[in-house]
Amino acid sequence: MAAVLAIAACLLMILGPTLTVRFQADHLTATAEIETLQLDDGSTVRLGPDSAIRLAFVGGERKVELLAGEALFDVAPDKARPFRVVAGDTTVTVLGTRFDVSRRGDGTSIAVGSGHVRVDSGKAEVFDLRAGDWVRIGTGGTVEKGADLPDFLVVGPDVRIAARNRPVSEVVDRIRPWFGGRIVIADGSVGRQPVTGVFDASDPVRALEALVVPQGGRVIKVTPWLLVVAKG
């Protein structure tokens, strides 16, 4: 009985957050699934795999909460009703634009394809972003930001994952939703390596190998549902 209870507790720890998101979400996607949604105001949302949103279009406000994953927003202008996206402590206020919001790994990233957004990090820091600008806000309060982001890096959720001078660990976070199991980085030195390239997530194992092998790593297939990235 003790063993059964221990297993149940472990499963609850793993599945608990996922179950909570399922109960809260108005729209969600499964592993390796992408879905495009048309909202009542004419805006569109492209949901990435393992992603979920909750809608709150009431009164004079249009609000979308990104509960998990990634979404590309193409917002219909409406000066009378602001459009806001909430991702954890971060709020993105829109003035008619196209932008991507991602909650993967240990932070939230926002990249603007066109238009203008204001990002409130929830920690008394506000960022004014226009086309080509991006910011990544870590859960510990760390901030990265940049400009002149090429449009092909703001395509939103796509089976082709493009990265430019980003850490291996961040790209692994983007491959995870395409794999129906767990991916563990056992060696932090591999995860910290910067990488540039395009990776086809339709075959997540091969994409992972293409990502880490040139950086001195290797992929160990422990089971069909567990991949470990180790030093080569």
Foldseek 3Di string as FASTA:
>chain_A
DVVVVVVVVVVCVVCVLVVVQVVQFPDAAAFQDWDWDQDPVRKIKIFAFGWGWHWDDDDQETEIETSAAKIKIQDDADVSYWYWYHYPLKIKIFRGAIKMWGDFDFWIKIAGQAHWIWMDNNPPDIDIDGHQKMWIAGNVGDIDIDGNHDNVQGPIHDQKHFDDFAFLLVVVRNLVSNAQADEEEPDVQQRRGTDGDIFGSPPSQVSNQVRRVVSQWHWDPPDSRYIYIGGD
